[in-house]
């Protein structure tokens, strides 16, 4: 079982489908069998940081958005060429946010795991976006200067298995690969 935040932001517990059992084992092996004291509070803090990130992006609030990233952060976008350091991502985002255009992602489901010691967390979340439909964000947060900061964020567009071969062929045709 894993803690999940539902659409209303309330924590619920759900079983993983059988095909995700390996992923569940990774999470289970990374944390003690019994929860650490205050681990739910830590998860809530991590979740609040991710919520603040999505809110700041939706409001095109450049300073707030980038205050949530670690100094050495990396953002991986949906295109294979999109691997940006924090500074590169700031350059990409600045003009768009200055024009008042952000991006809005609504969280549908989120999973958070905390490493022993409580200074590193990783997550995956299902998101909804008006243009891209369902997307997935995943990444790592670290404790930096007493606050949770995003060290890596990876935004992907999940492709149904039934379409994967077709999509791969179209990408190869587009990129010559």
Protein backbone atom coordinates (compact mmCIF):
# COMPACT_ATOMS: atom_id res chain seq x y z
CA UNK A 1 0.00 0.00 0.00
CA UNK A 2 1.07 3.55 -0.59
CA UNK A 3 -0.12 6.93 0.56
CA UNK A 4 -1.83 8.84 -2.24
CA UNK A 5 -3.28 12.33 -2.27
CA UNK A 6 -6.68 12.28 -3.93
CA UNK A 7 -8.20 15.11 -5.99
CA UNK A 8 -9.39 16.83 -2.82
CA UNK A 9 -5.86 16.72 -1.37
CA UNK A 10 -6.77 14.17 1.29
CA UNK A 11 -4.45 11.24 1.96
CA UNK A 12 -5.75 7.78 1.12
CA UNK A 13 -4.09 4.38 0.88
CA UNK A 14 -4.16 2.33 -2.32
CA UNK A 15 -2.80 -0.98 -3.52
CA UNK A 16 -0.46 -0.99 -6.50
CA UNK A 17 -1.54 -2.94 -9.60
CA UNK A 18 0.48 -6.12 -10.13
CA UNK A 19 2.48 -4.57 -13.00
CA UNK A 20 3.86 -1.95 -10.63
CA UNK A 21 4.90 -4.42 -7.97
CA UNK A 22 8.60 -3.97 -8.77
CA UNK A 23 8.31 -0.22 -8.29
CA UNK A 24 6.50 -0.77 -5.00
CA UNK A 25 9.34 -3.01 -3.83
CA UNK A 26 11.85 -0.26 -4.60
CA UNK A 27 9.90 2.21 -2.48
CA UNK A 28 9.41 -0.30 0.31
CA UNK A 29 13.09 -1.20 0.39
CA UNK A 30 14.11 2.46 0.48
CA UNK A 31 12.25 3.21 3.67
CA UNK A 32 11.95 1.42 6.99
CA UNK A 33 9.14 -1.06 7.53
CA UNK A 34 7.57 1.17 10.16
CA UNK A 35 7.19 4.86 9.31
CA UNK A 36 9.70 7.25 10.82
CA UNK A 37 8.33 9.57 13.44
CA UNK A 38 6.91 12.59 11.65
CA UNK A 39 7.31 11.06 8.18
CA UNK A 40 3.73 12.02 7.27
CA UNK A 41 4.57 15.61 8.21
CA UNK A 42 7.64 15.47 5.95
CA UNK A 43 5.53 14.10 3.09
CA UNK A 44 3.04 16.92 3.66
CA UNK A 45 5.89 19.47 3.47
CA UNK A 46 7.21 17.93 0.25
CA UNK A 47 3.70 17.88 -1.20
CA UNK A 48 3.20 21.53 -0.23
CA UNK A 49 6.41 22.43 -2.09
CA UNK A 50 5.19 20.64 -5.22
CA UNK A 51 1.78 22.32 -4.92
CA UNK A 52 3.52 25.71 -4.60
CA UNK A 53 5.59 24.94 -7.72
CA UNK A 54 2.47 24.21 -9.79
CA UNK A 55 0.69 27.26 -8.40
CA UNK A 56 3.62 29.60 -9.14
CA UNK A 57 3.88 28.22 -12.70
CA UNK A 58 0.15 28.72 -13.25
CA UNK A 59 0.46 32.32 -12.02
CA UNK A 60 3.65 32.91 -14.06
CA UNK A 61 5.37 33.97 -10.83
CA UNK A 62 9.01 33.70 -11.90
CA UNK A 63 10.68 34.54 -8.58
CA UNK A 64 8.48 32.25 -6.50
CA UNK A 65 8.72 29.43 -9.05
CA UNK A 66 12.50 29.40 -9.14
CA UNK A 67 12.84 29.89 -5.38
CA UNK A 68 11.50 26.33 -5.14
CA UNK A 69 14.40 24.85 -7.12
CA UNK A 70 17.71 23.76 -5.61
CA UNK A 71 20.80 25.66 -6.72
CA UNK A 72 21.99 22.70 -8.85
CA UNK A 73 18.54 21.72 -10.14
CA UNK A 74 17.84 20.09 -13.50
CA UNK A 75 14.54 20.18 -15.40
CA UNK A 76 13.83 17.45 -17.96
CA UNK A 77 11.06 18.42 -20.37
CA UNK A 78 8.89 16.33 -22.66
CA UNK A 79 11.21 16.72 -25.67
CA UNK A 80 14.36 14.57 -25.71
CA UNK A 81 16.47 17.73 -26.14
CA UNK A 82 15.04 19.41 -23.05
CA UNK A 83 17.61 18.94 -20.29
CA UNK A 84 18.03 22.26 -18.58
CA UNK A 85 20.11 23.37 -15.64
CA UNK A 86 18.31 25.78 -13.34
CA UNK A 87 19.91 28.75 -15.09
CA UNK A 88 19.06 27.45 -18.57
CA UNK A 89 15.47 26.79 -17.52
CA UNK A 90 15.28 30.28 -16.04
CA UNK A 91 16.38 31.73 -19.40
CA UNK A 92 13.74 29.65 -21.21
CA UNK A 93 10.99 30.61 -18.77
CA UNK A 94 11.73 34.31 -18.20
CA UNK A 95 10.16 35.78 -21.35
CA UNK A 96 7.11 33.56 -21.09
CA UNK A 97 6.47 34.40 -17.44
CA UNK A 98 7.18 38.10 -18.08
CA UNK A 99 4.42 37.99 -20.71
CA UNK A 100 2.09 36.57 -18.04
CA UNK A 101 1.95 33.14 -19.66
CA UNK A 102 2.61 30.26 -17.33
CA UNK A 103 1.45 26.68 -17.47
CA UNK A 104 -1.20 24.97 -15.41
CA UNK A 105 -1.03 21.37 -14.28
CA UNK A 106 -3.62 19.94 -11.92
CA UNK A 107 -2.42 17.13 -9.69
CA UNK A 108 -4.52 13.97 -9.97
CA UNK A 109 -2.41 11.61 -7.87
CA UNK A 110 0.91 11.86 -6.07
CA UNK A 111 3.28 9.37 -4.42
CA UNK A 112 6.10 10.56 -2.15
CA UNK A 113 8.90 8.56 -0.54
CA UNK A 114 11.36 9.89 2.01
CA UNK A 115 14.91 8.57 2.25
CA UNK A 116 16.29 7.52 5.63
CA UNK A 117 17.56 10.63 7.35
CA UNK A 118 14.68 12.69 6.01
CA UNK A 119 16.75 15.07 3.81
CA UNK A 120 15.91 13.61 0.39
CA UNK A 121 12.53 12.80 -1.11
CA UNK A 122 11.39 11.50 -4.46
CA UNK A 123 7.98 11.61 -6.03
CA UNK A 124 5.87 10.79 -9.01
CA UNK A 125 2.60 12.49 -9.82
CA UNK A 126 -0.12 12.21 -12.42
CA UNK A 127 -1.08 15.62 -13.74
CA UNK A 128 -3.72 17.05 -16.07
CA UNK A 129 -2.92 19.86 -18.50
CA UNK A 130 -5.38 21.51 -20.91
CA UNK A 131 -3.01 21.20 -23.90
CA UNK A 132 -1.16 17.95 -23.24
CA UNK A 133 -3.83 15.96 -21.40
CA UNK A 134 -2.53 13.57 -18.77
CA UNK A 135 1.15 13.97 -18.01
CA UNK A 136 3.50 12.64 -15.37
CA UNK A 137 5.93 14.55 -13.22
CA UNK A 138 8.63 12.81 -11.25
CA UNK A 139 11.72 13.91 -9.49
CA UNK A 140 13.78 14.47 -6.40
CA UNK A 141 13.66 17.08 -3.66
CA UNK A 142 16.45 17.87 -1.23
CA UNK A 143 16.56 19.80 1.99
CA UNK A 144 18.49 22.99 1.20
CA UNK A 145 18.83 25.91 3.62
CA UNK A 146 16.08 24.43 5.79
CA UNK A 147 13.53 24.17 2.96
CA UNK A 148 12.52 21.50 0.48
CA UNK A 149 13.82 22.32 -2.99
CA UNK A 150 13.34 20.53 -6.29
CA UNK A 151 16.68 19.05 -7.38
CA UNK A 152 15.26 17.33 -10.45
CA UNK A 153 11.90 17.53 -12.16
CA UNK A 154 11.04 15.28 -15.09
CA UNK A 155 7.86 15.99 -17.08
CA UNK A 156 6.68 13.23 -19.40
CA UNK A 157 3.69 12.38 -21.53
CA UNK A 158 2.74 8.78 -20.77
CA UNK A 159 2.17 6.83 -23.97
CA UNK A 160 -0.20 3.85 -23.82
CA UNK A 161 1.64 0.61 -24.61
CA UNK A 162 -0.71 0.00 -27.53
CA UNK A 163 0.59 3.20 -29.19
CA UNK A 164 4.26 3.03 -28.18
CA UNK A 165 5.61 1.40 -31.36
CA UNK A 166 3.71 3.83 -33.60
CA UNK A 167 4.90 6.83 -31.59
CA UNK A 168 8.50 5.55 -31.63
CA UNK A 169 8.35 5.13 -35.43
CA UNK A 170 6.97 8.67 -35.84
CA UNK A 171 9.74 10.08 -33.62
CA UNK A 172 12.38 8.23 -35.66
CA UNK A 173 10.89 9.61 -38.89
CA UNK A 174 10.87 13.14 -37.48
CA UNK A 175 14.40 13.06 -36.06
CA UNK A 176 16.01 10.84 -38.71
CA UNK A 177 16.94 8.34 -35.99
